[in-house]
Amino acid sequence: MVRPRLCFPSSEQLSGGSRTLACLLTGYSPQGAVVSWEVDGTAVTEGVLASSEEEKSGRYSSSSTLSLSRERWMKGELYSCKVLHHAHSQIQSLHRSQCEG
């Protein structure tokens, strides 16, 4: 089963003008993981960039990023990476307030 890992924006990004969240998938098999993003429970497609699945020793890895302007970042609170892999779904979420510290 795929276990996504959601990476927080760096401190440099938080003080700058953009935010990029990354959802990393590693060590899964078979291939075919699909990643989607939600902000406060609403699907988001703008600013999403997904990598192709890479295979190594029969295991796959991939990633998806969500890039946001500072304004869009400040409008949301709950950011979620959802993964669907052969009828199994996983979700990882973060709260913007946890990043702003």
PDB file of N, CA and C in Angstrom:
ATOM      1  N   MET A   1       0.837  -1.184   0.000  1.00  0.00           N
ATOM      2  CA  MET A   1       0.000   0.000   0.000  1.00  0.00           C
ATOM      3  C   MET A   1       0.879   1.244   0.000  1.00  0.00           C
ATOM      4  N   VAL A   2       0.468   2.241  -0.740  1.00  0.00           N
ATOM      5  CA  VAL A   2       1.201   3.503  -0.827  1.00  0.00           C
ATOM      6  C   VAL A   2       0.998   4.304   0.443  1.00  0.00           C
ATOM      7  N   ARG A   3       2.095   4.840   0.971  1.00  0.00           N
ATOM      8  CA  ARG A   3       2.019   5.725   2.126  1.00  0.00           C
ATOM      9  C   ARG A   3       2.612   7.072   1.716  1.00  0.00           C
ATOM     10  N   PRO A   4       1.755   8.055   1.432  1.00  0.00           N
ATOM     11  CA  PRO A   4       2.275   9.351   1.001  1.00  0.00           C
ATOM     12  C   PRO A   4       2.923  10.111   2.146  1.00  0.00           C
ATOM     13  N   ARG A   5       3.903  10.918   1.796  1.00  0.00           N
ATOM     14  CA  ARG A   5       4.553  11.795   2.763  1.00  0.00           C
ATOM     15  C   ARG A   5       4.397  13.214   2.244  1.00  0.00           C
ATOM     16  N   LEU A   6       3.821  14.079   3.047  1.00  0.00           N
ATOM     17  CA  LEU A   6       3.568  15.461   2.650  1.00  0.00           C
ATOM     18  C   LEU A   6       4.631  16.345   3.262  1.00  0.00           C
ATOM     19  N   CYS A   7       5.326  17.098   2.415  1.00  0.00           N
ATOM     20  CA  CYS A   7       6.407  17.962   2.878  1.00  0.00           C
ATOM     21  C   CYS A   7       5.933  19.398   2.995  1.00  0.00           C
ATOM     22  N   PHE A   8       6.334  20.026   4.069  1.00  0.00           N
ATOM     23  CA  PHE A   8       5.951  21.400   4.365  1.00  0.00           C
ATOM     24  C   PHE A   8       6.766  22.370   3.520  1.00  0.00           C
ATOM     25  N   PRO A   9       6.262  23.593   3.346  1.00  0.00           N
ATOM     26  CA  PRO A   9       7.069  24.627   2.683  1.00  0.00           C
ATOM     27  C   PRO A   9       8.309  24.927   3.515  1.00  0.00           C
ATOM     28  N   SER A  10       9.386  25.265   2.835  1.00  0.00           N
ATOM     29  CA  SER A  10      10.612  25.626   3.550  1.00  0.00           C
ATOM     30  C   SER A  10      10.454  26.990   4.200  1.00  0.00           C
ATOM     31  N   SER A  11      11.319  27.281   5.162  1.00  0.00           N
ATOM     32  CA  SER A  11      11.255  28.583   5.831  1.00  0.00           C
ATOM     33  C   SER A  11      11.525  29.710   4.844  1.00  0.00           C
ATOM     34  N   GLU A  12      12.370  29.452   3.813  1.00  0.00           N
ATOM     35  CA  GLU A  12      12.638  30.461   2.789  1.00  0.00           C
ATOM     36  C   GLU A  12      11.362  30.759   2.005  1.00  0.00           C
ATOM     37  N   GLN A  13      10.589  29.699   1.677  1.00  0.00           N
ATOM     38  CA  GLN A  13       9.345  29.913   0.949  1.00  0.00           C
ATOM     39  C   GLN A  13       8.333  30.659   1.803  1.00  0.00           C
ATOM     40  N   LEU A  14       8.265  30.326   3.080  1.00  0.00           N
ATOM     41  CA  LEU A  14       7.284  30.973   3.943  1.00  0.00           C
ATOM     42  C   LEU A  14       7.547  32.467   4.069  1.00  0.00           C
ATOM     43  N   SER A  15       8.801  32.887   3.978  1.00  0.00           N
ATOM     44  CA  SER A  15       9.109  34.311   4.062  1.00  0.00           C
ATOM     45  C   SER A  15       9.090  34.967   2.688  1.00  0.00           C
ATOM     46  N   GLY A  16       8.990  34.164   1.625  1.00  0.00           N
ATOM     47  CA  GLY A  16       8.995  34.697   0.264  1.00  0.00           C
ATOM     48  C   GLY A  16       7.598  34.807  -0.308  1.00  0.00           C
ATOM     49  N   GLY A  17       7.510  34.712  -1.642  1.00  0.00           N
ATOM     50  CA  GLY A  17       6.245  34.958  -2.304  1.00  0.00           C
ATOM     51  C   GLY A  17       5.498  33.726  -2.758  1.00  0.00           C
ATOM     52  N   SER A  18       6.070  32.540  -2.621  1.00  0.00           N
ATOM     53  CA  SER A  18       5.372  31.355  -3.108  1.00  0.00           C
ATOM     54  C   SER A  18       5.457  30.224  -2.092  1.00  0.00           C
ATOM     55  N   ARG A  19       4.607  29.229  -2.297  1.00  0.00           N
ATOM     56  CA  ARG A  19       4.587  28.043  -1.444  1.00  0.00           C
ATOM     57  C   ARG A  19       4.500  26.827  -2.357  1.00  0.00           C
ATOM     58  N   THR A  20       5.282  25.809  -2.071  1.00  0.00           N
ATOM     59  CA  THR A  20       5.167  24.562  -2.808  1.00  0.00           C
ATOM     60  C   THR A  20       5.100  23.422  -1.812  1.00  0.00           C
ATOM     61  N   LEU A  21       4.033  22.650  -1.890  1.00  0.00           N
ATOM     62  CA  LEU A  21       3.882  21.453  -1.077  1.00  0.00           C
ATOM     63  C   LEU A  21       4.230  20.260  -1.954  1.00  0.00           C
ATOM     64  N   ALA A  22       4.879  19.272  -1.380  1.00  0.00           N
ATOM     65  CA  ALA A  22       5.251  18.077  -2.135  1.00  0.00           C
ATOM     66  C   ALA A  22       4.667  16.842  -1.478  1.00  0.00           C
ATOM     67  N   CYS A  23       4.120  15.971  -2.297  1.00  0.00           N
ATOM     68  CA  CYS A  23       3.603  14.686  -1.838  1.00  0.00           C
ATOM     69  C   CYS A  23       4.491  13.613  -2.459  1.00  0.00           C
ATOM     70  N   LEU A  24       5.221  12.890  -1.622  1.00  0.00           N
ATOM     71  CA  LEU A  24       6.199  11.908  -2.079  1.00  0.00           C
ATOM     72  C   LEU A  24       5.685  10.497  -1.854  1.00  0.00           C
ATOM     73  N   LEU A  25       5.762   9.676  -2.901  1.00  0.00           N
ATOM     74  CA  LEU A  25       5.347   8.277  -2.825  1.00  0.00           C
ATOM     75  C   LEU A  25       6.565   7.412  -3.135  1.00  0.00           C
ATOM     76  N   THR A  26       6.868   6.475  -2.250  1.00  0.00           N
ATOM     77  CA  THR A  26       8.036   5.641  -2.476  1.00  0.00           C
ATOM     78  C   THR A  26       7.745   4.182  -2.131  1.00  0.00           C
ATOM     79  N   GLY A  27       8.413   3.278  -2.837  1.00  0.00           N
ATOM     80  CA  GLY A  27       8.419   1.859  -2.511  1.00  0.00           C
ATOM     81  C   GLY A  27       7.104   1.134  -2.675  1.00  0.00           C
ATOM     82  N   TYR A  28       6.302   1.504  -3.664  1.00  0.00           N
ATOM     83  CA  TYR A  28       5.018   0.823  -3.839  1.00  0.00           C
ATOM     84  C   TYR A  28       5.023  -0.057  -5.087  1.00  0.00           C
ATOM     85  N   SER A  29       4.128  -1.019  -5.099  1.00  0.00           N
ATOM     86  CA  SER A  29       3.974  -1.920  -6.234  1.00  0.00           C
ATOM     87  C   SER A  29       2.564  -2.481  -6.203  1.00  0.00           C
ATOM     88  N   PRO A  30       1.924  -2.671  -7.326  1.00  0.00           N
ATOM     89  CA  PRO A  30       2.362  -2.347  -8.686  1.00  0.00           C
ATOM     90  C   PRO A  30       2.222  -0.860  -8.952  1.00  0.00           C
ATOM     91  N   GLN A  31       2.635  -0.449 -10.160  1.00  0.00           N
ATOM     92  CA  GLN A  31       2.514   0.959 -10.521  1.00  0.00           C
ATOM     93  C   GLN A  31       1.047   1.327 -10.681  1.00  0.00           C
ATOM     94  N   GLY A  32       0.775   2.610 -10.781  1.00  0.00           N
ATOM     95  CA  GLY A  32      -0.599   3.047 -10.984  1.00  0.00           C
ATOM     96  C   GLY A  32      -1.150   3.932  -9.883  1.00  0.00           C
ATOM     97  N   ALA A  33      -0.296   4.557  -9.085  1.00  0.00           N
ATOM     98  CA  ALA A  33      -0.766   5.471  -8.040  1.00  0.00           C
ATOM     99  C   ALA A  33      -1.214   6.788  -8.670  1.00  0.00           C
ATOM    100  N   VAL A  34      -2.344   7.299  -8.203  1.00  0.00           N
ATOM    101  CA  VAL A  34      -2.893   8.557  -8.705  1.00  0.00           C
ATOM    102  C   VAL A  34      -2.993   9.530  -7.533  1.00  0.00           C
ATOM    103  N   VAL A  35      -2.409  10.706  -7.692  1.00  0.00           N
ATOM    104  CA  VAL A  35      -2.389  11.718  -6.634  1.00  0.00           C
ATOM    105  C   VAL A  35      -3.319  12.865  -7.006  1.00  0.00           C
ATOM    106  N   SER A  36      -4.085  13.338  -6.033  1.00  0.00           N
ATOM    107  CA  SER A  36      -4.896  14.542  -6.211  1.00  0.00           C
ATOM    108  C   SER A  36      -4.710  15.424  -4.980  1.00  0.00           C
ATOM    109  N   TRP A  37      -5.047  16.687  -5.131  1.00  0.00           N
ATOM    110  CA  TRP A  37      -4.878  17.665  -4.050  1.00  0.00           C
ATOM    111  C   TRP A  37      -6.211  18.287  -3.690  1.00  0.00           C
ATOM    112  N   GLU A  38      -6.360  18.605  -2.409  1.00  0.00           N
ATOM    113  CA  GLU A  38      -7.534  19.328  -1.929  1.00  0.00           C
ATOM    114  C   GLU A  38      -7.089  20.442  -0.996  1.00  0.00           C
ATOM    115  N   VAL A  39      -7.813  21.550  -1.062  1.00  0.00           N
ATOM    116  CA  VAL A  39      -7.622  22.650  -0.121  1.00  0.00           C
ATOM    117  C   VAL A  39      -8.963  22.876   0.551  1.00  0.00           C
ATOM    118  N   ASP A  40      -8.987  22.684   1.858  1.00  0.00           N
ATOM    119  CA  ASP A  40     -10.219  22.808   2.647  1.00  0.00           C
ATOM    120  C   ASP A  40     -11.350  21.953   2.070  1.00  0.00           C
ATOM    121  N   GLY A  41     -10.993  20.754   1.611  1.00  0.00           N
ATOM    122  CA  GLY A  41     -11.982  19.803   1.120  1.00  0.00           C
ATOM    123  C   GLY A  41     -12.413  19.990  -0.320  1.00  0.00           C
ATOM    124  N   THR A  42     -11.842  20.972  -1.027  1.00  0.00           N
ATOM    125  CA  THR A  42     -12.184  21.230  -2.422  1.00  0.00           C
ATOM    126  C   THR A  42     -11.027  20.826  -3.324  1.00  0.00           C
ATOM    127  N   ALA A  43     -11.328  20.051  -4.366  1.00  0.00           N
ATOM    128  CA  ALA A  43     -10.288  19.592  -5.297  1.00  0.00           C
ATOM    129  C   ALA A  43      -9.601  20.780  -5.968  1.00  0.00           C
ATOM    130  N   VAL A  44      -8.267  20.667  -6.121  1.00  0.00           N
ATOM    131  CA  VAL A  44      -7.465  21.707  -6.753  1.00  0.00           C
ATOM    132  C   VAL A  44      -6.650  21.062  -7.867  1.00  0.00           C
ATOM    133  N   THR A  45      -6.644  21.700  -9.040  1.00  0.00           N
ATOM    134  CA  THR A  45      -5.818  21.206 -10.150  1.00  0.00           C
ATOM    135  C   THR A  45      -4.811  22.250 -10.617  1.00  0.00           C
ATOM    136  N   GLU A  46      -5.104  23.522 -10.380  1.00  0.00           N
ATOM    137  CA  GLU A  46      -4.187  24.585 -10.789  1.00  0.00           C
ATOM    138  C   GLU A  46      -2.936  24.561  -9.916  1.00  0.00           C
ATOM    139  N   GLY A  47      -1.772  24.600 -10.560  1.00  0.00           N
ATOM    140  CA  GLY A  47      -0.513  24.610  -9.824  1.00  0.00           C
ATOM    141  C   GLY A  47       0.003  23.226  -9.463  1.00  0.00           C
ATOM    142  N   VAL A  48      -0.648  22.169  -9.971  1.00  0.00           N
ATOM    143  CA  VAL A  48      -0.238  20.797  -9.667  1.00  0.00           C
ATOM    144  C   VAL A  48       0.709  20.289 -10.745  1.00  0.00           C
ATOM    145  N   LEU A  49       1.807  19.683 -10.321  1.00  0.00           N
ATOM    146  CA  LEU A  49       2.767  19.088 -11.238  1.00  0.00           C
ATOM    147  C   LEU A  49       3.117  17.697 -10.711  1.00  0.00           C
ATOM    148  N   ALA A  50       2.886  16.680 -11.533  1.00  0.00           N
ATOM    149  CA  ALA A  50       3.154  15.300 -11.114  1.00  0.00           C
ATOM    150  C   ALA A  50       4.325  14.730 -11.902  1.00  0.00           C
ATOM    151  N   SER A  51       5.156  13.942 -11.235  1.00  0.00           N
ATOM    152  CA  SER A  51       6.251  13.260 -11.923  1.00  0.00           C
ATOM    153  C   SER A  51       5.735  11.938 -12.474  1.00  0.00           C
ATOM    154  N   SER A  52       6.462  11.378 -13.424  1.00  0.00           N
ATOM    155  CA  SER A  52       6.118  10.040 -13.898  1.00  0.00           C
ATOM    156  C   SER A  52       6.628   9.027 -12.875  1.00  0.00           C
ATOM    157  N   GLU A  53       6.011   7.860 -12.865  1.00  0.00           N
ATOM    158  CA  GLU A  53       6.434   6.823 -11.923  1.00  0.00           C
ATOM    159  C   GLU A  53       7.777   6.248 -12.364  1.00  0.00           C
ATOM    160  N   GLU A  54       8.670   6.099 -11.409  1.00  0.00           N
ATOM    161  CA  GLU A  54       9.981   5.518 -11.681  1.00  0.00           C
ATOM    162  C   GLU A  54      10.066   4.166 -10.990  1.00  0.00           C
ATOM    163  N   GLU A  55      10.644   3.190 -11.699  1.00  0.00           N
ATOM    164  CA  GLU A  55      10.744   1.826 -11.169  1.00  0.00           C
ATOM    165  C   GLU A  55      12.192   1.502 -10.833  1.00  0.00           C
ATOM    166  N   LYS A  56      12.376   0.869  -9.679  1.00  0.00           N
ATOM    167  CA  LYS A  56      13.696   0.379  -9.275  1.00  0.00           C
ATOM    168  C   LYS A  56      13.487  -0.903  -8.483  1.00  0.00           C
ATOM    169  N   SER A  57      14.008  -1.988  -8.993  1.00  0.00           N
ATOM    170  CA  SER A  57      13.911  -3.309  -8.346  1.00  0.00           C
ATOM    171  C   SER A  57      12.461  -3.707  -8.064  1.00  0.00           C
ATOM    172  N   GLY A  58      11.573  -3.411  -9.004  1.00  0.00           N
ATOM    173  CA  GLY A  58      10.183  -3.819  -8.867  1.00  0.00           C
ATOM    174  C   GLY A  58       9.334  -2.933  -7.979  1.00  0.00           C
ATOM    175  N   ARG A  59       9.902  -1.864  -7.455  1.00  0.00           N
ATOM    176  CA  ARG A  59       9.168  -0.909  -6.620  1.00  0.00           C
ATOM    177  C   ARG A  59       9.112   0.421  -7.341  1.00  0.00           C
ATOM    178  N   TYR A  60       8.046   1.169  -7.103  1.00  0.00           N
ATOM    179  CA  TYR A  60       7.834   2.426  -7.809  1.00  0.00           C
ATOM    180  C   TYR A  60       7.882   3.614  -6.861  1.00  0.00           C
ATOM    181  N   SER A  61       8.213   4.752  -7.435  1.00  0.00           N
ATOM    182  CA  SER A  61       8.174   6.009  -6.689  1.00  0.00           C
ATOM    183  C   SER A  61       7.694   7.104  -7.629  1.00  0.00           C
ATOM    184  N   SER A  62       7.080   8.114  -7.049  1.00  0.00           N
ATOM    185  CA  SER A  62       6.618   9.265  -7.814  1.00  0.00           C
ATOM    186  C   SER A  62       6.381  10.410  -6.846  1.00  0.00           C
ATOM    187  N   SER A  63       6.095  11.569  -7.400  1.00  0.00           N
ATOM    188  CA  SER A  63       5.815  12.725  -6.552  1.00  0.00           C
ATOM    189  C   SER A  63       4.833  13.642  -7.256  1.00  0.00           C
ATOM    190  N   SER A  64       4.201  14.470  -6.470  1.00  0.00           N
ATOM    191  CA  SER A  64       3.306  15.497  -6.984  1.00  0.00           C
ATOM    192  C   SER A  64       3.523  16.743  -6.140  1.00  0.00           C
ATOM    193  N   THR A  65       3.565  17.897  -6.791  1.00  0.00           N
ATOM    194  CA  THR A  65       3.729  19.143  -6.062  1.00  0.00           C
ATOM    195  C   THR A  65       2.539  20.055  -6.320  1.00  0.00           C
ATOM    196  N   LEU A  66       2.254  20.878  -5.335  1.00  0.00           N
ATOM    197  CA  LEU A  66       1.214  21.898  -5.432  1.00  0.00           C
ATOM    198  C   LEU A  66       1.878  23.240  -5.166  1.00  0.00           C
ATOM    199  N   SER A  67       1.918  24.094  -6.192  1.00  0.00           N
ATOM    200  CA  SER A  67       2.520  25.422  -6.061  1.00  0.00           C
ATOM    201  C   SER A  67       1.421  26.454  -5.898  1.00  0.00           C
ATOM    202  N   LEU A  68       1.617  27.327  -4.920  1.00  0.00           N
ATOM    203  CA  LEU A  68       0.603  28.332  -4.582  1.00  0.00           C
ATOM    204  C   LEU A  68       1.244  29.696  -4.428  1.00  0.00           C
ATOM    205  N   SER A  69       0.515  30.724  -4.824  1.00  0.00           N
ATOM    206  CA  SER A  69       0.948  32.080  -4.513  1.00  0.00           C
ATOM    207  C   SER A  69       0.741  32.296  -3.012  1.00  0.00           C
ATOM    208  N   ARG A  70       1.358  33.331  -2.473  1.00  0.00           N
ATOM    209  CA  ARG A  70       1.188  33.619  -1.050  1.00  0.00           C
ATOM    210  C   ARG A  70      -0.282  33.874  -0.723  1.00  0.00           C
ATOM    211  N   GLU A  71      -0.985  34.564  -1.629  1.00  0.00           N
ATOM    212  CA  GLU A  71      -2.392  34.874  -1.414  1.00  0.00           C
ATOM    213  C   GLU A  71      -3.243  33.604  -1.357  1.00  0.00           C
ATOM    214  N   ARG A  72      -3.002  32.689  -2.287  1.00  0.00           N
ATOM    215  CA  ARG A  72      -3.761  31.439  -2.295  1.00  0.00           C
ATOM    216  C   ARG A  72      -3.441  30.597  -1.063  1.00  0.00           C
ATOM    217  N   TRP A  73      -2.172  30.604  -0.649  1.00  0.00           N
ATOM    218  CA  TRP A  73      -1.764  29.875   0.548  1.00  0.00           C
ATOM    219  C   TRP A  73      -2.503  30.387   1.781  1.00  0.00           C
ATOM    220  N   MET A  74      -2.637  31.708   1.886  1.00  0.00           N
ATOM    221  CA  MET A  74      -3.268  32.310   3.060  1.00  0.00           C
ATOM    222  C   MET A  74      -4.782  32.099   3.085  1.00  0.00           C
ATOM    223  N   LYS A  75      -5.393  31.816   1.929  1.00  0.00           N
ATOM    224  CA  LYS A  75      -6.841  31.610   1.875  1.00  0.00           C
ATOM    225  C   LYS A  75      -7.257  30.245   2.416  1.00  0.00           C
ATOM    226  N   GLY A  76      -6.367  29.261   2.369  1.00  0.00           N
ATOM    227  CA  GLY A  76      -6.714  27.917   2.819  1.00  0.00           C
ATOM    228  C   GLY A  76      -6.158  27.613   4.189  1.00  0.00           C
ATOM    229  N   GLU A  77      -6.688  26.585   4.830  1.00  0.00           N
ATOM    230  CA  GLU A  77      -6.163  26.132   6.123  1.00  0.00           C
ATOM    231  C   GLU A  77      -5.729  24.675   6.056  1.00  0.00           C
ATOM    232  N   LEU A  78      -6.539  23.811   5.434  1.00  0.00           N
ATOM    233  CA  LEU A  78      -6.233  22.381   5.407  1.00  0.00           C
ATOM    234  C   LEU A  78      -5.836  21.965   3.993  1.00  0.00           C
ATOM    235  N   TYR A  79      -4.591  21.550   3.833  1.00  0.00           N
ATOM    236  CA  TYR A  79      -4.045  21.115   2.543  1.00  0.00           C
ATOM    237  C   TYR A  79      -3.858  19.610   2.583  1.00  0.00           C
ATOM    238  N   SER A  80      -4.427  18.913   1.585  1.00  0.00           N
ATOM    239  CA  SER A  80      -4.411  17.446   1.604  1.00  0.00           C
ATOM    240  C   SER A  80      -3.921  16.867   0.284  1.00  0.00           C
ATOM    241  N   CYS A  81      -3.092  15.856   0.416  1.00  0.00           N
ATOM    242  CA  CYS A  81      -2.613  15.054  -0.702  1.00  0.00           C
ATOM    243  C   CYS A  81      -3.352  13.720  -0.602  1.00  0.00           C
ATOM    244  N   LYS A  82      -4.108  13.369  -1.642  1.00  0.00           N
ATOM    245  CA  LYS A  82      -4.875  12.127  -1.641  1.00  0.00           C
ATOM    246  C   LYS A  82      -4.280  11.184  -2.680  1.00  0.00           C
ATOM    247  N   VAL A  83      -4.083   9.938  -2.287  1.00  0.00           N
ATOM    248  CA  VAL A  83      -3.500   8.946  -3.185  1.00  0.00           C
ATOM    249  C   VAL A  83      -4.464   7.784  -3.351  1.00  0.00           C
ATOM    250  N   LEU A  84      -4.732   7.455  -4.600  1.00  0.00           N
ATOM    251  CA  LEU A  84      -5.536   6.280  -4.922  1.00  0.00           C
ATOM    252  C   LEU A  84      -4.623   5.274  -5.606  1.00  0.00           C
ATOM    253  N   HIS A  85      -4.558   4.078  -5.023  1.00  0.00           N
ATOM    254  CA  HIS A  85      -3.682   3.033  -5.564  1.00  0.00           C
ATOM    255  C   HIS A  85      -4.423   1.707  -5.510  1.00  0.00           C
ATOM    256  N   HIS A  86      -4.908   1.259  -6.659  1.00  0.00           N
ATOM    257  CA  HIS A  86      -5.604  -0.018  -6.791  1.00  0.00           C
ATOM    258  C   HIS A  86      -6.676  -0.197  -5.718  1.00  0.00           C
ATOM    259  N   ALA A  87      -7.637   0.704  -5.713  1.00  0.00           N
ATOM    260  CA  ALA A  87      -8.824   0.682  -4.843  1.00  0.00           C
ATOM    261  C   ALA A  87      -8.524   1.011  -3.379  1.00  0.00           C
ATOM    262  N   HIS A  88      -7.288   1.311  -3.045  1.00  0.00           N
ATOM    263  CA  HIS A  88      -6.944   1.746  -1.689  1.00  0.00           C
ATOM    264  C   HIS A  88      -6.628   3.230  -1.736  1.00  0.00           C
ATOM    265  N   SER A  89      -7.118   3.957  -0.760  1.00  0.00           N
ATOM    266  CA  SER A  89      -6.819   5.389  -0.731  1.00  0.00           C
ATOM    267  C   SER A  89      -6.131   5.755   0.582  1.00  0.00           C
ATOM    268  N   GLN A  90      -5.269   6.731   0.475  1.00  0.00           N
ATOM    269  CA  GLN A  90      -4.541   7.273   1.620  1.00  0.00           C
ATOM    270  C   GLN A  90      -4.609   8.780   1.519  1.00  0.00           C
ATOM    271  N   ILE A  91      -4.571   9.446   2.646  1.00  0.00           N
ATOM    272  CA  ILE A  91      -4.568  10.909   2.637  1.00  0.00           C
ATOM    273  C   ILE A  91      -3.580  11.418   3.682  1.00  0.00           C
ATOM    274  N   GLN A  92      -2.854  12.452   3.308  1.00  0.00           N
ATOM    275  CA  GLN A  92      -1.977  13.149   4.238  1.00  0.00           C
ATOM    276  C   GLN A  92      -2.372  14.611   4.195  1.00  0.00           C
ATOM    277  N   SER A  93      -2.472  15.227   5.344  1.00  0.00           N
ATOM    278  CA  SER A  93      -2.904  16.618   5.405  1.00  0.00           C
ATOM    279  C   SER A  93      -2.008  17.434   6.312  1.00  0.00           C
ATOM    280  N   LEU A  94      -2.007  18.731   6.058  1.00  0.00           N
ATOM    281  CA  LEU A  94      -1.334  19.650   6.977  1.00  0.00           C
ATOM    282  C   LEU A  94      -2.189  20.903   7.110  1.00  0.00           C
ATOM    283  N   HIS A  95      -2.080  21.517   8.274  1.00  0.00           N
ATOM    284  CA  HIS A  95      -2.758  22.775   8.545  1.00  0.00           C
ATOM    285  C   HIS A  95      -1.788  23.921   8.336  1.00  0.00           C
ATOM    286  N   ARG A  96      -2.216  24.929   7.600  1.00  0.00           N
ATOM    287  CA  ARG A  96      -1.354  26.081   7.343  1.00  0.00           C
ATOM    288  C   ARG A  96      -0.865  26.697   8.648  1.00  0.00           C
ATOM    289  N   SER A  97      -1.717  26.752   9.649  1.00  0.00           N
ATOM    290  CA  SER A  97      -1.355  27.361  10.926  1.00  0.00           C
ATOM    291  C   SER A  97      -0.181  26.629  11.594  1.00  0.00           C
ATOM    292  N   GLN A  98       0.001  25.334  11.289  1.00  0.00           N
ATOM    293  CA  GLN A  98       1.140  24.602  11.851  1.00  0.00           C
ATOM    294  C   GLN A  98       2.450  25.025  11.197  1.00  0.00           C
ATOM    295  N   CYS A  99       2.375  25.495   9.954  1.00  0.00           N
ATOM    296  CA  CYS A  99       3.572  25.917   9.233  1.00  0.00           C
ATOM    297  C   CYS A  99       3.990  27.339   9.585  1.00  0.00           C
ATOM    298  N   GLU A 100       3.028  28.160   9.941  1.00  0.00           N
ATOM    299  CA  GLU A 100       3.296  29.572  10.154  1.00  0.00           C
ATOM    300  C   GLU A 100       3.991  29.816  11.489  1.00  0.00           C
ATOM    301  N   GLY A 101       3.774  28.880  12.439  1.00  0.00           N
ATOM    302  CA  GLY A 101       4.409  28.875  13.737  1.00  0.00           C
ATOM    303  C   GLY A 101       4.589  30.183  14.343  1.00  0.00           C
TER     304      GLY A 101
END
